[in-house]
């Protein structure tokens, strides 16, 4: 068995530690949850039993909530790729923010389909694509300049097209993935790190190297060197949106392998 990319225990600890102060940095999760609710509202049917899967805060009022750490409204604590529910338990599964660092994303999608009833809907949003590509480059260049080498410091990101293919492989009908690109601006690298910590979104890589102070200082200087005239630096965040249906009689014929839908959203938002 190959080693898992993420440290499950570390991921849980970071979510638990972030919970008390999460509200001060919840803007990305709030945007994801709102978009998921709006997309589901456009579906002409009612969903009686809903699973709110992972994520640092509730995304769906009244849903059964599974999270990585105990908290208000949390029904069960478990990983998204190890769901403790019987087959065909829910009409709708929603996930806001939780799938970016799940160790077995294909397995999590298979589990989500398993717990859906026939013709049930799965919708999710999580950071992927080019998210923090700017930060990755700053850290890479700083590492090379200071140490002469490079270490893995940020989590790998899933592209929308790959995510659509994983939905299809998991057995979802009519799989769709699209991307919403946001621009967030920060006065310093340390302010960005503060938000990532408050979100519980610091990288939980299982194999990670300590970040030396000299490397951090060099990365912070590079980050500041890219700032706008007002001293704030732009950071890219790609939100991957997924949707798929549990197979049921009368649905359209499933797509052929490799033909899952991917469309790029044109919206560009900024947090000043």
C-alpha atoms as a PDB file:
ATOM      1  CA  UNK A   1       0.000   0.000   0.000  1.00  0.00           C
ATOM      2  CA  UNK A   2       1.366   3.419  -0.926  1.00  0.00           C
ATOM      3  CA  UNK A   3       1.754   6.085   1.735  1.00  0.00           C
ATOM      4  CA  UNK A   4      -1.096   8.544   2.093  1.00  0.00           C
ATOM      5  CA  UNK A   5      -0.327  12.109   0.958  1.00  0.00           C
ATOM      6  CA  UNK A   6      -1.892  13.766   4.016  1.00  0.00           C
ATOM      7  CA  UNK A   7      -1.502  13.222   7.748  1.00  0.00           C
ATOM      8  CA  UNK A   8      -5.019  12.417   8.961  1.00  0.00           C
ATOM      9  CA  UNK A   9      -4.280  13.179  12.626  1.00  0.00           C
ATOM     10  CA  UNK A  10      -2.625  16.517  11.785  1.00  0.00           C
ATOM     11  CA  UNK A  11      -5.573  17.447   9.569  1.00  0.00           C
ATOM     12  CA  UNK A  12      -7.967  16.781  12.452  1.00  0.00           C
ATOM     13  CA  UNK A  13      -5.868  18.783  14.916  1.00  0.00           C
ATOM     14  CA  UNK A  14      -5.696  21.779  12.614  1.00  0.00           C
ATOM     15  CA  UNK A  15      -9.449  21.778  12.087  1.00  0.00           C
ATOM     16  CA  UNK A  16     -10.047  21.476  15.830  1.00  0.00           C
ATOM     17  CA  UNK A  17      -7.644  24.317  16.669  1.00  0.00           C
ATOM     18  CA  UNK A  18      -9.116  26.556  13.984  1.00  0.00           C
ATOM     19  CA  UNK A  19     -12.737  26.086  15.059  1.00  0.00           C
ATOM     20  CA  UNK A  20     -12.901  28.735  17.841  1.00  0.00           C
ATOM     21  CA  UNK A  21     -11.623  31.551  15.589  1.00  0.00           C
ATOM     22  CA  UNK A  22     -12.879  30.304  12.242  1.00  0.00           C
ATOM     23  CA  UNK A  23     -15.487  33.052  11.888  1.00  0.00           C
ATOM     24  CA  UNK A  24     -12.804  35.705  11.373  1.00  0.00           C
ATOM     25  CA  UNK A  25     -11.506  33.949   8.238  1.00  0.00           C
ATOM     26  CA  UNK A  26     -14.603  32.200   6.918  1.00  0.00           C
ATOM     27  CA  UNK A  27     -15.001  34.258   3.726  1.00  0.00           C
ATOM     28  CA  UNK A  28     -13.952  31.464   1.358  1.00  0.00           C
ATOM     29  CA  UNK A  29     -16.064  28.802   3.061  1.00  0.00           C
ATOM     30  CA  UNK A  30     -19.051  31.175   3.201  1.00  0.00           C
ATOM     31  CA  UNK A  31     -18.717  31.855  -0.540  1.00  0.00           C
ATOM     32  CA  UNK A  32     -18.487  28.128  -1.321  1.00  0.00           C
ATOM     33  CA  UNK A  33     -21.503  27.257   0.831  1.00  0.00           C
ATOM     34  CA  UNK A  34     -23.616  30.057  -0.631  1.00  0.00           C
ATOM     35  CA  UNK A  35     -22.792  28.984  -4.183  1.00  0.00           C
ATOM     36  CA  UNK A  36     -23.645  25.350  -3.400  1.00  0.00           C
ATOM     37  CA  UNK A  37     -27.014  26.357  -1.933  1.00  0.00           C
ATOM     38  CA  UNK A  38     -27.778  28.527  -4.961  1.00  0.00           C
ATOM     39  CA  UNK A  39     -26.921  25.704  -7.380  1.00  0.00           C
ATOM     40  CA  UNK A  40     -29.091  23.197  -5.530  1.00  0.00           C
ATOM     41  CA  UNK A  41     -31.931  25.740  -5.334  1.00  0.00           C
ATOM     42  CA  UNK A  42     -32.001  25.685  -9.136  1.00  0.00           C
ATOM     43  CA  UNK A  43     -32.886  21.966  -9.133  1.00  0.00           C
ATOM     44  CA  UNK A  44     -36.635  21.389  -9.430  1.00  0.00           C
ATOM     45  CA  UNK A  45     -36.991  18.870  -6.619  1.00  0.00           C
ATOM     46  CA  UNK A  46     -36.898  18.553  -2.847  1.00  0.00           C
ATOM     47  CA  UNK A  47     -34.115  16.856  -0.899  1.00  0.00           C
ATOM     48  CA  UNK A  48     -35.344  15.432   2.393  1.00  0.00           C
ATOM     49  CA  UNK A  49     -32.204  13.817   3.834  1.00  0.00           C
ATOM     50  CA  UNK A  50     -29.005  15.829   3.410  1.00  0.00           C
ATOM     51  CA  UNK A  51     -25.420  15.019   4.419  1.00  0.00           C
ATOM     52  CA  UNK A  52     -23.108  17.992   5.005  1.00  0.00           C
ATOM     53  CA  UNK A  53     -19.769  16.327   4.340  1.00  0.00           C
ATOM     54  CA  UNK A  54     -16.656  17.652   6.023  1.00  0.00           C
ATOM     55  CA  UNK A  55     -15.662  21.286   5.835  1.00  0.00           C
ATOM     56  CA  UNK A  56     -14.775  23.572   8.747  1.00  0.00           C
ATOM     57  CA  UNK A  57     -18.301  24.936   9.318  1.00  0.00           C
ATOM     58  CA  UNK A  58     -21.909  24.005   8.483  1.00  0.00           C
ATOM     59  CA  UNK A  59     -22.848  24.495   4.826  1.00  0.00           C
ATOM     60  CA  UNK A  60     -26.455  23.282   4.859  1.00  0.00           C
ATOM     61  CA  UNK A  61     -29.024  24.156   7.563  1.00  0.00           C
ATOM     62  CA  UNK A  62     -30.652  21.106   9.120  1.00  0.00           C
ATOM     63  CA  UNK A  63     -28.339  18.569   7.455  1.00  0.00           C
ATOM     64  CA  UNK A  64     -26.616  15.633   9.125  1.00  0.00           C
ATOM     65  CA  UNK A  65     -23.139  17.034   9.560  1.00  0.00           C
ATOM     66  CA  UNK A  66     -19.948  14.997   9.424  1.00  0.00           C
ATOM     67  CA  UNK A  67     -16.750  16.843  10.315  1.00  0.00           C
ATOM     68  CA  UNK A  68     -13.116  16.241  11.218  1.00  0.00           C
ATOM     69  CA  UNK A  69     -13.514  17.573  14.752  1.00  0.00           C
ATOM     70  CA  UNK A  70     -16.339  17.785  17.308  1.00  0.00           C
ATOM     71  CA  UNK A  71     -18.326  20.995  17.372  1.00  0.00           C
ATOM     72  CA  UNK A  72     -21.796  22.542  17.366  1.00  0.00           C
ATOM     73  CA  UNK A  73     -24.104  20.648  15.049  1.00  0.00           C
ATOM     74  CA  UNK A  74     -21.569  17.906  14.291  1.00  0.00           C
ATOM     75  CA  UNK A  75     -23.333  14.538  14.256  1.00  0.00           C
ATOM     76  CA  UNK A  76     -20.289  12.385  13.531  1.00  0.00           C
ATOM     77  CA  UNK A  77     -16.513  12.808  13.399  1.00  0.00           C
ATOM     78  CA  UNK A  78     -14.913  10.903  10.509  1.00  0.00           C
ATOM     79  CA  UNK A  79     -12.898  11.313   7.318  1.00  0.00           C
ATOM     80  CA  UNK A  80     -14.720  11.985   4.060  1.00  0.00           C
ATOM     81  CA  UNK A  81     -13.249   8.854   2.495  1.00  0.00           C
ATOM     82  CA  UNK A  82     -14.446   6.655   5.402  1.00  0.00           C
ATOM     83  CA  UNK A  83     -18.157   7.398   5.710  1.00  0.00           C
ATOM     84  CA  UNK A  84     -19.915   5.510   8.530  1.00  0.00           C
ATOM     85  CA  UNK A  85     -23.340   5.468   6.832  1.00  0.00           C
ATOM     86  CA  UNK A  86     -25.374   2.728   5.203  1.00  0.00           C
ATOM     87  CA  UNK A  87     -25.826   2.617   1.448  1.00  0.00           C
ATOM     88  CA  UNK A  88     -28.544   4.867   0.006  1.00  0.00           C
ATOM     89  CA  UNK A  89     -29.001   6.953   3.188  1.00  0.00           C
ATOM     90  CA  UNK A  90     -29.285  10.449   1.663  1.00  0.00           C
ATOM     91  CA  UNK A  91     -30.967  12.355  -1.143  1.00  0.00           C
ATOM     92  CA  UNK A  92     -28.290  15.064  -1.254  1.00  0.00           C
ATOM     93  CA  UNK A  93     -24.619  15.220  -0.243  1.00  0.00           C
ATOM     94  CA  UNK A  94     -22.956  18.635  -0.069  1.00  0.00           C
ATOM     95  CA  UNK A  95     -19.309  19.397   0.693  1.00  0.00           C
ATOM     96  CA  UNK A  96     -17.912  22.915   1.138  1.00  0.00           C
ATOM     97  CA  UNK A  97     -14.154  23.141   1.515  1.00  0.00           C
ATOM     98  CA  UNK A  98     -13.466  19.681   2.882  1.00  0.00           C
ATOM     99  CA  UNK A  99     -12.127  17.775  -0.118  1.00  0.00           C
ATOM    100  CA  UNK A 100      -8.975  19.811  -0.785  1.00  0.00           C
ATOM    101  CA  UNK A 101      -6.889  17.764   1.645  1.00  0.00           C
ATOM    102  CA  UNK A 102      -8.667  14.418   1.856  1.00  0.00           C
ATOM    103  CA  UNK A 103      -6.102  11.623   1.511  1.00  0.00           C
ATOM    104  CA  UNK A 104      -8.200   9.506  -0.872  1.00  0.00           C
ATOM    105  CA  UNK A 105     -10.252  11.835  -3.082  1.00  0.00           C
ATOM    106  CA  UNK A 106     -11.371   9.068  -5.483  1.00  0.00           C
ATOM    107  CA  UNK A 107     -12.429   7.025  -2.456  1.00  0.00           C
ATOM    108  CA  UNK A 108     -14.312   9.979  -0.953  1.00  0.00           C
ATOM    109  CA  UNK A 109     -16.273  10.416  -4.188  1.00  0.00           C
ATOM    110  CA  UNK A 110     -17.085   6.693  -4.287  1.00  0.00           C
ATOM    111  CA  UNK A 111     -18.282   6.928  -0.681  1.00  0.00           C
ATOM    112  CA  UNK A 112     -20.459   9.947  -1.478  1.00  0.00           C
ATOM    113  CA  UNK A 113     -22.100   8.056  -4.343  1.00  0.00           C
ATOM    114  CA  UNK A 114     -22.554   4.970  -2.158  1.00  0.00           C
ATOM    115  CA  UNK A 115     -24.541   6.815   0.518  1.00  0.00           C
ATOM    116  CA  UNK A 116     -26.786   8.532  -2.058  1.00  0.00           C
ATOM    117  CA  UNK A 117     -30.137   7.094  -3.017  1.00  0.00           C
ATOM    118  CA  UNK A 118     -30.801   6.538  -6.728  1.00  0.00           C
ATOM    119  CA  UNK A 119     -31.105   9.918  -8.469  1.00  0.00           C
ATOM    120  CA  UNK A 120     -29.546  11.619  -5.452  1.00  0.00           C
ATOM    121  CA  UNK A 121     -27.333  14.660  -6.015  1.00  0.00           C
ATOM    122  CA  UNK A 122     -23.755  15.342  -4.970  1.00  0.00           C
ATOM    123  CA  UNK A 123     -22.382  18.906  -5.022  1.00  0.00           C
ATOM    124  CA  UNK A 124     -19.021  20.062  -3.709  1.00  0.00           C
ATOM    125  CA  UNK A 125     -16.670  23.029  -3.723  1.00  0.00           C
ATOM    126  CA  UNK A 126     -13.038  23.096  -2.665  1.00  0.00           C
ATOM    127  CA  UNK A 127      -9.782  24.904  -3.393  1.00  0.00           C
ATOM    128  CA  UNK A 128      -7.794  23.446  -6.297  1.00  0.00           C
ATOM    129  CA  UNK A 129      -6.274  24.350  -9.645  1.00  0.00           C
ATOM    130  CA  UNK A 130      -3.952  27.350  -9.398  1.00  0.00           C
ATOM    131  CA  UNK A 131      -4.751  28.093  -5.753  1.00  0.00           C
ATOM    132  CA  UNK A 132      -1.716  29.605  -4.009  1.00  0.00           C
ATOM    133  CA  UNK A 133       0.452  29.111  -7.098  1.00  0.00           C
ATOM    134  CA  UNK A 134       1.976  32.520  -6.271  1.00  0.00           C
ATOM    135  CA  UNK A 135       2.890  31.368  -2.760  1.00  0.00           C
ATOM    136  CA  UNK A 136       4.311  28.100  -4.063  1.00  0.00           C
ATOM    137  CA  UNK A 137       6.631  30.033  -6.373  1.00  0.00           C
ATOM    138  CA  UNK A 138       7.759  32.368  -3.593  1.00  0.00           C
ATOM    139  CA  UNK A 139       8.568  29.424  -1.313  1.00  0.00           C
ATOM    140  CA  UNK A 140      10.292  27.486  -4.090  1.00  0.00           C
ATOM    141  CA  UNK A 141      12.517  30.396  -5.087  1.00  0.00           C
ATOM    142  CA  UNK A 142      13.322  31.188  -1.453  1.00  0.00           C
ATOM    143  CA  UNK A 143      14.184  27.553  -0.730  1.00  0.00           C
ATOM    144  CA  UNK A 144      16.521  27.324  -3.702  1.00  0.00           C
ATOM    145  CA  UNK A 145      18.184  30.646  -2.900  1.00  0.00           C
ATOM    146  CA  UNK A 146      18.775  29.818   0.771  1.00  0.00           C
ATOM    147  CA  UNK A 147      19.309  26.055   0.848  1.00  0.00           C
ATOM    148  CA  UNK A 148      20.162  25.201  -2.750  1.00  0.00           C
ATOM    149  CA  UNK A 149      17.253  22.740  -2.908  1.00  0.00           C
ATOM    150  CA  UNK A 150      13.483  22.587  -2.670  1.00  0.00           C
ATOM    151  CA  UNK A 151      11.097  20.828  -0.287  1.00  0.00           C
ATOM    152  CA  UNK A 152       7.366  20.084  -0.511  1.00  0.00           C
ATOM    153  CA  UNK A 153       5.622  22.713   1.595  1.00  0.00           C
ATOM    154  CA  UNK A 154       2.170  23.166   0.040  1.00  0.00           C
ATOM    155  CA  UNK A 155      -0.498  20.584  -0.699  1.00  0.00           C
ATOM    156  CA  UNK A 156      -0.958  19.341  -4.278  1.00  0.00           C
ATOM    157  CA  UNK A 157      -4.008  20.780  -6.035  1.00  0.00           C
ATOM    158  CA  UNK A 158      -6.628  18.988  -8.141  1.00  0.00           C
ATOM    159  CA  UNK A 159      -7.509  20.432 -11.556  1.00  0.00           C
ATOM    160  CA  UNK A 160     -11.159  20.725 -12.613  1.00  0.00           C
ATOM    161  CA  UNK A 161     -10.790  18.361 -15.565  1.00  0.00           C
ATOM    162  CA  UNK A 162      -9.204  15.702 -13.358  1.00  0.00           C
ATOM    163  CA  UNK A 163     -11.957  16.164 -10.766  1.00  0.00           C
ATOM    164  CA  UNK A 164     -14.647  15.698 -13.420  1.00  0.00           C
ATOM    165  CA  UNK A 165     -12.942  12.480 -14.478  1.00  0.00           C
ATOM    166  CA  UNK A 166     -12.843  11.264 -10.872  1.00  0.00           C
ATOM    167  CA  UNK A 167     -16.593  11.882 -10.561  1.00  0.00           C
ATOM    168  CA  UNK A 168     -17.121   9.746 -13.610  1.00  0.00           C
ATOM    169  CA  UNK A 169     -14.863   6.985 -12.323  1.00  0.00           C
ATOM    170  CA  UNK A 170     -16.773   7.038  -9.024  1.00  0.00           C
ATOM    171  CA  UNK A 171     -19.937   6.145 -10.922  1.00  0.00           C
ATOM    172  CA  UNK A 172     -21.757   9.478 -10.997  1.00  0.00           C
ATOM    173  CA  UNK A 173     -24.078  10.233 -13.888  1.00  0.00           C
ATOM    174  CA  UNK A 174     -23.854  13.575 -15.714  1.00  0.00           C
ATOM    175  CA  UNK A 175     -20.642  14.689 -13.922  1.00  0.00           C
ATOM    176  CA  UNK A 176     -19.780  18.373 -14.173  1.00  0.00           C
ATOM    177  CA  UNK A 177     -16.850  20.444 -12.892  1.00  0.00           C
ATOM    178  CA  UNK A 178     -16.142  24.143 -13.285  1.00  0.00           C
ATOM    179  CA  UNK A 179     -13.776  26.714 -11.829  1.00  0.00           C
ATOM    180  CA  UNK A 180     -14.342  30.066 -10.172  1.00  0.00           C
ATOM    181  CA  UNK A 181     -11.160  32.119  -9.862  1.00  0.00           C
ATOM    182  CA  UNK A 182     -10.885  34.618  -7.042  1.00  0.00           C
ATOM    183  CA  UNK A 183      -8.188  37.124  -6.188  1.00  0.00           C
ATOM    184  CA  UNK A 184      -7.439  37.746  -2.510  1.00  0.00           C
ATOM    185  CA  UNK A 185      -5.002  40.471  -1.418  1.00  0.00           C
ATOM    186  CA  UNK A 186      -2.844  40.496   1.701  1.00  0.00           C
ATOM    187  CA  UNK A 187      -0.553  43.103   3.291  1.00  0.00           C
ATOM    188  CA  UNK A 188       2.097  40.446   4.021  1.00  0.00           C
ATOM    189  CA  UNK A 189       2.894  36.767   3.742  1.00  0.00           C
ATOM    190  CA  UNK A 190       2.334  36.495   7.489  1.00  0.00           C
ATOM    191  CA  UNK A 191      -1.222  37.829   7.156  1.00  0.00           C
ATOM    192  CA  UNK A 192      -1.886  35.132   4.550  1.00  0.00           C
ATOM    193  CA  UNK A 193      -0.483  32.472   6.880  1.00  0.00           C
ATOM    194  CA  UNK A 194      -2.695  33.811   9.689  1.00  0.00           C
ATOM    195  CA  UNK A 195      -5.789  33.333   7.521  1.00  0.00           C
ATOM    196  CA  UNK A 196      -4.725  29.840   6.440  1.00  0.00           C
ATOM    197  CA  UNK A 197      -4.228  28.889  10.092  1.00  0.00           C
ATOM    198  CA  UNK A 198      -7.613  30.335  11.081  1.00  0.00           C
ATOM    199  CA  UNK A 199      -9.244  28.385   8.244  1.00  0.00           C
ATOM    200  CA  UNK A 200      -7.565  25.139   9.310  1.00  0.00           C
ATOM    201  CA  UNK A 201      -6.057  25.142   5.829  1.00  0.00           C
ATOM    202  CA  UNK A 202      -2.324  24.923   6.516  1.00  0.00           C
ATOM    203  CA  UNK A 203      -0.865  22.039   4.535  1.00  0.00           C
ATOM    204  CA  UNK A 204      -1.242  18.666   6.332  1.00  0.00           C
ATOM    205  CA  UNK A 205       1.272  16.886   4.082  1.00  0.00           C
ATOM    206  CA  UNK A 206       2.399  13.624   5.616  1.00  0.00           C
ATOM    207  CA  UNK A 207       5.950  14.209   4.344  1.00  0.00           C
ATOM    208  CA  UNK A 208       6.956  17.773   5.079  1.00  0.00           C
ATOM    209  CA  UNK A 209      10.173  19.596   5.894  1.00  0.00           C
ATOM    210  CA  UNK A 210      10.486  22.249   8.616  1.00  0.00           C
ATOM    211  CA  UNK A 211      10.336  25.802   7.264  1.00  0.00           C
ATOM    212  CA  UNK A 212      13.567  27.541   8.231  1.00  0.00           C
ATOM    213  CA  UNK A 213      13.343  31.144   9.371  1.00  0.00           C
ATOM    214  CA  UNK A 214      15.770  32.233   6.693  1.00  0.00           C
ATOM    215  CA  UNK A 215      13.629  30.604   3.995  1.00  0.00           C
ATOM    216  CA  UNK A 216      10.474  32.166   5.432  1.00  0.00           C
ATOM    217  CA  UNK A 217      12.108  35.613   5.484  1.00  0.00           C
ATOM    218  CA  UNK A 218      13.246  35.228   1.856  1.00  0.00           C
ATOM    219  CA  UNK A 219       9.752  34.091   0.809  1.00  0.00           C
ATOM    220  CA  UNK A 220       8.182  37.030   2.661  1.00  0.00           C
ATOM    221  CA  UNK A 221      10.475  39.436   0.794  1.00  0.00           C
ATOM    222  CA  UNK A 222       9.474  37.918  -2.554  1.00  0.00           C
ATOM    223  CA  UNK A 223       5.807  38.097  -1.581  1.00  0.00           C
ATOM    224  CA  UNK A 224       6.167  41.785  -0.681  1.00  0.00           C
ATOM    225  CA  UNK A 225       8.064  42.429  -3.909  1.00  0.00           C
ATOM    226  CA  UNK A 226       4.954  41.504  -5.915  1.00  0.00           C
ATOM    227  CA  UNK A 227       2.709  43.958  -4.057  1.00  0.00           C
ATOM    228  CA  UNK A 228       0.399  46.488  -5.712  1.00  0.00           C
ATOM    229  CA  UNK A 229       0.944  50.207  -5.190  1.00  0.00           C
ATOM    230  CA  UNK A 230      -1.009  50.099  -1.913  1.00  0.00           C
ATOM    231  CA  UNK A 231       1.303  47.438  -0.465  1.00  0.00           C
ATOM    232  CA  UNK A 232      -1.074  44.496  -0.806  1.00  0.00           C
ATOM    233  CA  UNK A 233      -0.111  41.383  -2.759  1.00  0.00           C
ATOM    234  CA  UNK A 234      -2.487  39.354  -4.924  1.00  0.00           C
ATOM    235  CA  UNK A 235      -3.055  35.666  -4.246  1.00  0.00           C
ATOM    236  CA  UNK A 236      -4.960  33.365  -6.606  1.00  0.00           C
ATOM    237  CA  UNK A 237      -7.668  31.018  -5.314  1.00  0.00           C
ATOM    238  CA  UNK A 238      -9.404  28.592  -7.688  1.00  0.00           C
ATOM    239  CA  UNK A 239     -12.649  27.130  -6.351  1.00  0.00           C
ATOM    240  CA  UNK A 240     -13.470  23.801  -8.027  1.00  0.00           C
ATOM    241  CA  UNK A 241     -17.223  23.148  -8.177  1.00  0.00           C
ATOM    242  CA  UNK A 242     -18.404  19.565  -8.715  1.00  0.00           C
ATOM    243  CA  UNK A 243     -21.832  18.045  -9.337  1.00  0.00           C
ATOM    244  CA  UNK A 244     -23.016  14.560 -10.188  1.00  0.00           C
ATOM    245  CA  UNK A 245     -26.068  12.319  -9.827  1.00  0.00           C
ATOM    246  CA  UNK A 246     -26.336   8.839  -8.369  1.00  0.00           C
ATOM    247  CA  UNK A 247     -27.412   6.558 -11.213  1.00  0.00           C
ATOM    248  CA  UNK A 248     -31.125   5.778 -11.527  1.00  0.00           C
ATOM    249  CA  UNK A 249     -33.461   4.321 -14.168  1.00  0.00           C
ATOM    250  CA  UNK A 250     -34.564   6.853 -16.764  1.00  0.00           C
ATOM    251  CA  UNK A 251     -31.496   9.082 -16.478  1.00  0.00           C
ATOM    252  CA  UNK A 252     -29.530  10.079 -19.581  1.00  0.00           C
ATOM    253  CA  UNK A 253     -26.938   7.509 -20.690  1.00  0.00           C
ATOM    254  CA  UNK A 254     -23.611   7.987 -18.806  1.00  0.00           C
ATOM    255  CA  UNK A 255     -20.842   9.801 -20.674  1.00  0.00           C
ATOM    256  CA  UNK A 256     -18.043   7.849 -22.270  1.00  0.00           C
ATOM    257  CA  UNK A 257     -14.763   7.791 -20.281  1.00  0.00           C
ATOM    258  CA  UNK A 258     -12.863  11.037 -20.681  1.00  0.00           C
ATOM    259  CA  UNK A 259     -15.907  13.058 -21.752  1.00  0.00           C
ATOM    260  CA  UNK A 260     -16.967  14.480 -18.373  1.00  0.00           C
ATOM    261  CA  UNK A 261     -17.914  18.133 -18.611  1.00  0.00           C
ATOM    262  CA  UNK A 262     -15.539  20.928 -17.629  1.00  0.00           C
ATOM    263  CA  UNK A 263     -16.403  24.595 -18.086  1.00  0.00           C
ATOM    264  CA  UNK A 264     -14.541  27.672 -16.873  1.00  0.00           C
ATOM    265  CA  UNK A 265     -16.442  30.321 -14.942  1.00  0.00           C
ATOM    266  CA  UNK A 266     -15.670  33.905 -15.945  1.00  0.00           C
ATOM    267  CA  UNK A 267     -16.341  35.488 -12.538  1.00  0.00           C
ATOM    268  CA  UNK A 268     -13.408  37.287 -10.964  1.00  0.00           C
ATOM    269  CA  UNK A 269     -13.849  38.539  -7.424  1.00  0.00           C
ATOM    270  CA  UNK A 270     -11.547  40.470  -5.079  1.00  0.00           C
ATOM    271  CA  UNK A 271     -11.268  40.797  -1.340  1.00  0.00           C
ATOM    272  CA  UNK A 272      -9.740  44.161  -0.541  1.00  0.00           C
END
